[in-house]
Amino acid sequence: PADTRERVRRHGALLLAMTRVFHAGIAGEI
């Protein structure tokens, strides 16, 4: 968990951007 929290802190902006782009592209298909 400590490693995961650090990875979230380090890559937070990318995680957020990727997730929003993915959701916008696939929600309708789901």
PDB file of all heavy atoms in Angstrom:
ATOM      1  N   PRO A   1       0.792  -1.227   0.000  1.00  0.00           N
ATOM      2  CA  PRO A   1       0.000   0.000   0.000  1.00  0.00           C
ATOM      3  C   PRO A   1       0.828   1.282   0.000  1.00  0.00           C
ATOM      4  O   PRO A   1       0.459   2.261  -0.665  1.00  0.00           O
ATOM      5  CB  PRO A   1      -0.844  -0.118   1.268  1.00  0.00           C
ATOM      6  CG  PRO A   1      -1.027  -1.601   1.442  1.00  0.00           C
ATOM      7  CD  PRO A   1       0.280  -2.192   1.006  1.00  0.00           C
ATOM      8  N   ALA A   2       1.936   1.296   0.728  1.00  0.00           N
ATOM      9  CA  ALA A   2       2.777   2.494   0.748  1.00  0.00           C
ATOM     10  C   ALA A   2       3.351   2.763  -0.644  1.00  0.00           C
ATOM     11  O   ALA A   2       3.408   3.923  -1.091  1.00  0.00           O
ATOM     12  CB  ALA A   2       3.903   2.342   1.762  1.00  0.00           C
ATOM     13  N   ASP A   3       3.760   1.712  -1.343  1.00  0.00           N
ATOM     14  CA  ASP A   3       4.277   1.851  -2.711  1.00  0.00           C
ATOM     15  C   ASP A   3       3.174   2.340  -3.641  1.00  0.00           C
ATOM     16  O   ASP A   3       3.384   3.205  -4.496  1.00  0.00           O
ATOM     17  CB  ASP A   3       4.823   0.504  -3.177  1.00  0.00           C
ATOM     18  CG  ASP A   3       5.578   0.606  -4.503  1.00  0.00           C
ATOM     19  OD1 ASP A   3       5.716   1.725  -5.037  1.00  0.00           O
ATOM     20  OD2 ASP A   3       6.035  -0.437  -5.005  1.00  0.00           O
ATOM     21  N   THR A   4       1.966   1.792  -3.458  1.00  0.00           N
ATOM     22  CA  THR A   4       0.837   2.205  -4.295  1.00  0.00           C
ATOM     23  C   THR A   4       0.506   3.676  -4.092  1.00  0.00           C
ATOM     24  O   THR A   4       0.267   4.410  -5.059  1.00  0.00           O
ATOM     25  CB  THR A   4      -0.399   1.340  -3.977  1.00  0.00           C
ATOM     26  OG1 THR A   4      -0.114  -0.032  -4.288  1.00  0.00           O
ATOM     27  CG2 THR A   4      -1.604   1.793  -4.796  1.00  0.00           C
ATOM     28  N   ARG A   5       0.505   4.137  -2.852  1.00  0.00           N
ATOM     29  CA  ARG A   5       0.227   5.549  -2.587  1.00  0.00           C
ATOM     30  C   ARG A   5       1.259   6.452  -3.251  1.00  0.00           C
ATOM     31  O   ARG A   5       0.918   7.506  -3.799  1.00  0.00           O
ATOM     32  CB  ARG A   5       0.187   5.797  -1.073  1.00  0.00           C
ATOM     33  CG  ARG A   5      -1.065   5.274  -0.385  1.00  0.00           C
ATOM     34  CD  ARG A   5      -1.174   5.810   1.026  1.00  0.00           C
ATOM     35  NE  ARG A   5      -0.111   5.320   1.880  1.00  0.00           N
ATOM     36  CZ  ARG A   5      -0.171   4.190   2.580  1.00  0.00           C
ATOM     37  NH1 ARG A   5      -1.250   3.426   2.495  1.00  0.00           N
ATOM     38  NH2 ARG A   5       0.827   3.815   3.357  1.00  0.00           N
ATOM     39  N   GLU A   6       2.506   6.041  -3.235  1.00  0.00           N
ATOM     40  CA  GLU A   6       3.550   6.829  -3.872  1.00  0.00           C
ATOM     41  C   GLU A   6       3.353   6.863  -5.383  1.00  0.00           C
ATOM     42  O   GLU A   6       3.560   7.900  -6.029  1.00  0.00           O
ATOM     43  CB  GLU A   6       4.917   6.246  -3.527  1.00  0.00           C
ATOM     44  CG  GLU A   6       6.102   6.849  -4.290  1.00  0.00           C
ATOM     45  CD  GLU A   6       6.227   8.360  -4.099  1.00  0.00           C
ATOM     46  OE1 GLU A   6       5.750   8.880  -3.070  1.00  0.00           O
ATOM     47  OE2 GLU A   6       6.802   9.022  -4.983  1.00  0.00           O
ATOM     48  N   ARG A   7       2.940   5.746  -5.963  1.00  0.00           N
ATOM     49  CA  ARG A   7       2.700   5.704  -7.411  1.00  0.00           C
ATOM     50  C   ARG A   7       1.499   6.566  -7.792  1.00  0.00           C
ATOM     51  O   ARG A   7       1.496   7.201  -8.858  1.00  0.00           O
ATOM     52  CB  ARG A   7       2.494   4.257  -7.869  1.00  0.00           C
ATOM     53  CG  ARG A   7       3.777   3.435  -7.841  1.00  0.00           C
ATOM     54  CD  ARG A   7       3.508   1.953  -8.046  1.00  0.00           C
ATOM     55  NE  ARG A   7       4.737   1.187  -7.891  1.00  0.00           N
ATOM     56  CZ  ARG A   7       5.489   0.777  -8.892  1.00  0.00           C
ATOM     57  NH1 ARG A   7       5.142   1.030 -10.144  1.00  0.00           N
ATOM     58  NH2 ARG A   7       6.592   0.084  -8.664  1.00  0.00           N
ATOM     59  N   VAL A   8       0.484   6.594  -6.946  1.00  0.00           N
ATOM     60  CA  VAL A   8      -0.663   7.473  -7.188  1.00  0.00           C
ATOM     61  C   VAL A   8      -0.214   8.927  -7.151  1.00  0.00           C
ATOM     62  O   VAL A   8      -0.603   9.745  -7.996  1.00  0.00           O
ATOM     63  CB  VAL A   8      -1.772   7.221  -6.150  1.00  0.00           C
ATOM     64  CG1 VAL A   8      -2.855   8.293  -6.247  1.00  0.00           C
ATOM     65  CG2 VAL A   8      -2.396   5.838  -6.350  1.00  0.00           C
ATOM     66  N   ARG A   9       0.622   9.267  -6.170  1.00  0.00           N
ATOM     67  CA  ARG A   9       1.113  10.645  -6.067  1.00  0.00           C
ATOM     68  C   ARG A   9       1.944  11.018  -7.289  1.00  0.00           C
ATOM     69  O   ARG A   9       1.786  12.115  -7.851  1.00  0.00           O
ATOM     70  CB  ARG A   9       1.969  10.789  -4.798  1.00  0.00           C
ATOM     71  CG  ARG A   9       2.423  12.223  -4.522  1.00  0.00           C
ATOM     72  CD  ARG A   9       3.598  12.270  -3.583  1.00  0.00           C
ATOM     73  NE  ARG A   9       4.783  11.647  -4.170  1.00  0.00           N
ATOM     74  CZ  ARG A   9       5.564  12.230  -5.080  1.00  0.00           C
ATOM     75  NH1 ARG A   9       5.270  13.445  -5.533  1.00  0.00           N
ATOM     76  NH2 ARG A   9       6.605  11.599  -5.573  1.00  0.00           N
ATOM     77  N   ARG A  10       2.777  10.091  -7.747  1.00  0.00           N
ATOM     78  CA  ARG A  10       3.693  10.375  -8.845  1.00  0.00           C
ATOM     79  C   ARG A  10       2.971  10.457 -10.194  1.00  0.00           C
ATOM     80  O   ARG A  10       3.319  11.271 -11.046  1.00  0.00           O
ATOM     81  CB  ARG A  10       4.773   9.291  -8.900  1.00  0.00           C
ATOM     82  CG  ARG A  10       5.926   9.584  -9.861  1.00  0.00           C
ATOM     83  CD  ARG A  10       6.846   8.385  -9.973  1.00  0.00           C
ATOM     84  NE  ARG A  10       7.036   7.713  -8.695  1.00  0.00           N
ATOM     85  CZ  ARG A  10       7.319   6.419  -8.567  1.00  0.00           C
ATOM     86  NH1 ARG A  10       7.434   5.656  -9.643  1.00  0.00           N
ATOM     87  NH2 ARG A  10       7.485   5.882  -7.370  1.00  0.00           N
ATOM     88  N   HIS A  11       1.974   9.594 -10.378  1.00  0.00           N
ATOM     89  CA  HIS A  11       1.314   9.493 -11.687  1.00  0.00           C
ATOM     90  C   HIS A  11      -0.128   9.990 -11.650  1.00  0.00           C
ATOM     91  O   HIS A  11      -0.909   9.690 -12.567  1.00  0.00           O
ATOM     92  CB  HIS A  11       1.331   8.044 -12.172  1.00  0.00           C
ATOM     93  CG  HIS A  11       2.693   7.436 -12.274  1.00  0.00           C
ATOM     94  ND1 HIS A  11       3.645   7.885 -13.159  1.00  0.00           N
ATOM     95  CD2 HIS A  11       3.267   6.407 -11.576  1.00  0.00           C
ATOM     96  CE1 HIS A  11       4.747   7.152 -13.026  1.00  0.00           C
ATOM     97  NE2 HIS A  11       4.551   6.266 -12.070  1.00  0.00           N
ATOM     98  N   GLY A  12      -0.472  10.755 -10.610  1.00  0.00           N
ATOM     99  CA  GLY A  12      -1.869  11.135 -10.416  1.00  0.00           C
ATOM    100  C   GLY A  12      -2.524  11.801 -11.612  1.00  0.00           C
ATOM    101  O   GLY A  12      -3.642  11.445 -12.006  1.00  0.00           O
ATOM    102  N   ALA A  13      -1.858  12.782 -12.211  1.00  0.00           N
ATOM    103  CA  ALA A  13      -2.457  13.506 -13.339  1.00  0.00           C
ATOM    104  C   ALA A  13      -2.698  12.577 -14.515  1.00  0.00           C
ATOM    105  O   ALA A  13      -3.724  12.669 -15.199  1.00  0.00           O
ATOM    106  CB  ALA A  13      -1.547  14.662 -13.748  1.00  0.00           C
ATOM    107  N   LEU A  14      -1.763  11.680 -14.769  1.00  0.00           N
ATOM    108  CA  LEU A  14      -1.914  10.742 -15.879  1.00  0.00           C
ATOM    109  C   LEU A  14      -3.063   9.771 -15.605  1.00  0.00           C
ATOM    110  O   LEU A  14      -3.857   9.480 -16.504  1.00  0.00           O
ATOM    111  CB  LEU A  14      -0.617   9.968 -16.100  1.00  0.00           C
ATOM    112  CG  LEU A  14      -0.643   8.892 -17.199  1.00  0.00           C
ATOM    113  CD1 LEU A  14      -0.998   9.515 -18.546  1.00  0.00           C
ATOM    114  CD2 LEU A  14       0.696   8.171 -17.271  1.00  0.00           C
ATOM    115  N   LEU A  15      -3.164   9.267 -14.376  1.00  0.00           N
ATOM    116  CA  LEU A  15      -4.254   8.354 -14.034  1.00  0.00           C
ATOM    117  C   LEU A  15      -5.603   9.014 -14.279  1.00  0.00           C
ATOM    118  O   LEU A  15      -6.521   8.411 -14.838  1.00  0.00           O
ATOM    119  CB  LEU A  15      -4.151   7.923 -12.567  1.00  0.00           C
ATOM    120  CG  LEU A  15      -2.911   7.147 -12.137  1.00  0.00           C
ATOM    121  CD1 LEU A  15      -3.005   6.784 -10.656  1.00  0.00           C
ATOM    122  CD2 LEU A  15      -2.725   5.890 -12.972  1.00  0.00           C
ATOM    123  N   LEU A  16      -5.724  10.270 -13.857  1.00  0.00           N
ATOM    124  CA  LEU A  16      -6.977  10.992 -13.999  1.00  0.00           C
ATOM    125  C   LEU A  16      -7.300  11.230 -15.475  1.00  0.00           C
ATOM    126  O   LEU A  16      -8.432  11.005 -15.920  1.00  0.00           O
ATOM    127  CB  LEU A  16      -6.882  12.329 -13.262  1.00  0.00           C
ATOM    128  CG  LEU A  16      -8.189  13.067 -12.979  1.00  0.00           C
ATOM    129  CD1 LEU A  16      -9.125  12.218 -12.151  1.00  0.00           C
ATOM    130  CD2 LEU A  16      -7.895  14.387 -12.282  1.00  0.00           C
ATOM    131  N   ALA A  17      -6.307  11.673 -16.246  1.00  0.00           N
ATOM    132  CA  ALA A  17      -6.532  11.946 -17.665  1.00  0.00           C
ATOM    133  C   ALA A  17      -6.887  10.675 -18.422  1.00  0.00           C
ATOM    134  O   ALA A  17      -7.838  10.648 -19.221  1.00  0.00           O
ATOM    135  CB  ALA A  17      -5.285  12.598 -18.270  1.00  0.00           C
ATOM    136  N   MET A  18      -6.148   9.606 -18.180  1.00  0.00           N
ATOM    137  CA  MET A  18      -6.413   8.337 -18.858  1.00  0.00           C
ATOM    138  C   MET A  18      -7.815   7.829 -18.552  1.00  0.00           C
ATOM    139  O   MET A  18      -8.543   7.380 -19.450  1.00  0.00           O
ATOM    140  CB  MET A  18      -5.384   7.280 -18.428  1.00  0.00           C
ATOM    141  CG  MET A  18      -4.020   7.415 -19.059  1.00  0.00           C
ATOM    142  SD  MET A  18      -2.885   6.112 -18.476  1.00  0.00           S
ATOM    143  CE  MET A  18      -3.769   4.616 -18.989  1.00  0.00           C
ATOM    144  N   THR A  19      -8.208   7.896 -17.286  1.00  0.00           N
ATOM    145  CA  THR A  19      -9.503   7.356 -16.877  1.00  0.00           C
ATOM    146  C   THR A  19     -10.642   8.129 -17.507  1.00  0.00           C
ATOM    147  O   THR A  19     -11.625   7.545 -17.981  1.00  0.00           O
ATOM    148  CB  THR A  19      -9.627   7.384 -15.346  1.00  0.00           C
ATOM    149  OG1 THR A  19      -8.581   6.581 -14.779  1.00  0.00           O
ATOM    150  CG2 THR A  19     -10.969   6.830 -14.894  1.00  0.00           C
ATOM    151  N   ARG A  20     -10.529   9.439 -17.555  1.00  0.00           N
ATOM    152  CA  ARG A  20     -11.603  10.247 -18.135  1.00  0.00           C
ATOM    153  C   ARG A  20     -11.713  10.044 -19.644  1.00  0.00           C
ATOM    154  O   ARG A  20     -12.812   9.965 -20.188  1.00  0.00           O
ATOM    155  CB  ARG A  20     -11.372  11.717 -17.801  1.00  0.00           C
ATOM    156  CG  ARG A  20     -11.647  12.025 -16.326  1.00  0.00           C
ATOM    157  CD  ARG A  20     -11.290  13.437 -15.956  1.00  0.00           C
ATOM    158  NE  ARG A  20     -11.683  13.731 -14.580  1.00  0.00           N
ATOM    159  CZ  ARG A  20     -11.343  14.834 -13.922  1.00  0.00           C
ATOM    160  NH1 ARG A  20     -10.583  15.754 -14.521  1.00  0.00           N
ATOM    161  NH2 ARG A  20     -11.742  15.034 -12.682  1.00  0.00           N
ATOM    162  N   VAL A  21     -10.572   9.945 -20.319  1.00  0.00           N
ATOM    163  CA  VAL A  21     -10.595   9.691 -21.759  1.00  0.00           C
ATOM    164  C   VAL A  21     -11.166   8.312 -22.049  1.00  0.00           C
ATOM    165  O   VAL A  21     -11.994   8.127 -22.954  1.00  0.00           O
ATOM    166  CB  VAL A  21      -9.170   9.829 -22.352  1.00  0.00           C
ATOM    167  CG1 VAL A  21      -9.132   9.319 -23.792  1.00  0.00           C
ATOM    168  CG2 VAL A  21      -8.707  11.275 -22.295  1.00  0.00           C
ATOM    169  N   PHE A  22     -10.738   7.313 -21.268  1.00  0.00           N
ATOM    170  CA  PHE A  22     -11.244   5.951 -21.443  1.00  0.00           C
ATOM    171  C   PHE A  22     -12.752   5.901 -21.233  1.00  0.00           C
ATOM    172  O   PHE A  22     -13.488   5.316 -22.032  1.00  0.00           O
ATOM    173  CB  PHE A  22     -10.536   5.028 -20.451  1.00  0.00           C
ATOM    174  CG  PHE A  22     -11.084   3.625 -20.440  1.00  0.00           C
ATOM    175  CD1 PHE A  22     -10.711   2.716 -21.418  1.00  0.00           C
ATOM    176  CD2 PHE A  22     -11.984   3.219 -19.466  1.00  0.00           C
ATOM    177  CE1 PHE A  22     -11.224   1.421 -21.425  1.00  0.00           C
ATOM    178  CE2 PHE A  22     -12.493   1.933 -19.462  1.00  0.00           C
ATOM    179  CZ  PHE A  22     -12.115   1.037 -20.438  1.00  0.00           C
ATOM    180  N   HIS A  23     -13.231   6.515 -20.161  1.00  0.00           N
ATOM    181  CA  HIS A  23     -14.664   6.504 -19.838  1.00  0.00           C
ATOM    182  C   HIS A  23     -15.482   7.148 -20.953  1.00  0.00           C
ATOM    183  O   HIS A  23     -16.522   6.615 -21.366  1.00  0.00           O
ATOM    184  CB  HIS A  23     -14.874   7.243 -18.518  1.00  0.00           C
ATOM    185  CG  HIS A  23     -16.308   7.368 -18.112  1.00  0.00           C
ATOM    186  ND1 HIS A  23     -17.089   6.285 -17.788  1.00  0.00           N
ATOM    187  CD2 HIS A  23     -17.113   8.467 -17.958  1.00  0.00           C
ATOM    188  CE1 HIS A  23     -18.301   6.697 -17.445  1.00  0.00           C
ATOM    189  NE2 HIS A  23     -18.341   8.018 -17.558  1.00  0.00           N
ATOM    190  N   ALA A  24     -15.005   8.285 -21.456  1.00  0.00           N
ATOM    191  CA  ALA A  24     -15.726   8.977 -22.521  1.00  0.00           C
ATOM    192  C   ALA A  24     -15.812   8.127 -23.781  1.00  0.00           C
ATOM    193  O   ALA A  24     -16.805   8.177 -24.516  1.00  0.00           O
ATOM    194  CB  ALA A  24     -15.038  10.307 -22.827  1.00  0.00           C
ATOM    195  N   GLY A  25     -14.779   7.312 -24.024  1.00  0.00           N
ATOM    196  CA  GLY A  25     -14.732   6.527 -25.246  1.00  0.00           C
ATOM    197  C   GLY A  25     -15.466   5.214 -25.195  1.00  0.00           C
ATOM    198  O   GLY A  25     -15.837   4.670 -26.243  1.00  0.00           O
ATOM    199  N   ILE A  26     -15.722   4.690 -23.995  1.00  0.00           N
ATOM    200  CA  ILE A  26     -16.244   3.321 -23.928  1.00  0.00           C
ATOM    201  C   ILE A  26     -17.591   3.190 -23.229  1.00  0.00           C
ATOM    202  O   ILE A  26     -18.255   2.172 -23.355  1.00  0.00           O
ATOM    203  CB  ILE A  26     -15.224   2.394 -23.231  1.00  0.00           C
ATOM    204  CG1 ILE A  26     -15.412   0.950 -23.712  1.00  0.00           C
ATOM    205  CG2 ILE A  26     -15.321   2.504 -21.704  1.00  0.00           C
ATOM    206  CD1 ILE A  26     -14.291   0.014 -23.309  1.00  0.00           C
ATOM    207  N   ALA A  27     -18.039   4.211 -22.504  1.00  0.00           N
ATOM    208  CA  ALA A  27     -19.263   4.079 -21.712  1.00  0.00           C
ATOM    209  C   ALA A  27     -20.470   3.713 -22.566  1.00  0.00           C
ATOM    210  O   ALA A  27     -21.276   2.851 -22.197  1.00  0.00           O
ATOM    211  CB  ALA A  27     -19.527   5.369 -20.939  1.00  0.00           C
ATOM    212  N   GLY A  28     -20.612   4.361 -23.723  1.00  0.00           N
ATOM    213  CA  GLY A  28     -21.737   4.061 -24.590  1.00  0.00           C
ATOM    214  C   GLY A  28     -21.732   2.628 -25.072  1.00  0.00           C
ATOM    215  O   GLY A  28     -22.773   1.960 -25.126  1.00  0.00           O
ATOM    216  N   GLU A  29     -20.556   2.117 -25.418  1.00  0.00           N
ATOM    217  CA  GLU A  29     -20.440   0.731 -25.878  1.00  0.00           C
ATOM    218  C   GLU A  29     -20.810  -0.242 -24.758  1.00  0.00           C
ATOM    219  O   GLU A  29     -21.463  -1.264 -25.002  1.00  0.00           O
ATOM    220  CB  GLU A  29     -19.018   0.460 -26.357  1.00  0.00           C
ATOM    221  CG  GLU A  29     -18.748  -0.982 -26.761  1.00  0.00           C
ATOM    222  CD  GLU A  29     -19.541  -1.443 -27.975  1.00  0.00           C
ATOM    223  OE1 GLU A  29     -19.934  -0.596 -28.789  1.00  0.00           O
ATOM    224  OE2 GLU A  29     -19.787  -2.660 -28.097  1.00  0.00           O
ATOM    225  N   ILE A  30     -20.400   0.069 -23.539  1.00  0.00           N
ATOM    226  CA  ILE A  30     -20.755  -0.784 -22.401  1.00  0.00           C
ATOM    227  C   ILE A  30     -22.264  -0.837 -22.225  1.00  0.00           C
ATOM    228  O   ILE A  30     -22.855  -1.896 -21.987  1.00  0.00           O
ATOM    229  CB  ILE A  30     -20.083  -0.277 -21.112  1.00  0.00           C
ATOM    230  CG1 ILE A  30     -18.566  -0.442 -21.201  1.00  0.00           C
ATOM    231  CG2 ILE A  30     -20.624  -1.008 -19.894  1.00  0.00           C
ATOM    232  CD1 ILE A  30     -18.093  -1.872 -21.320  1.00  0.00           C
TER     233      ILE A  30
END
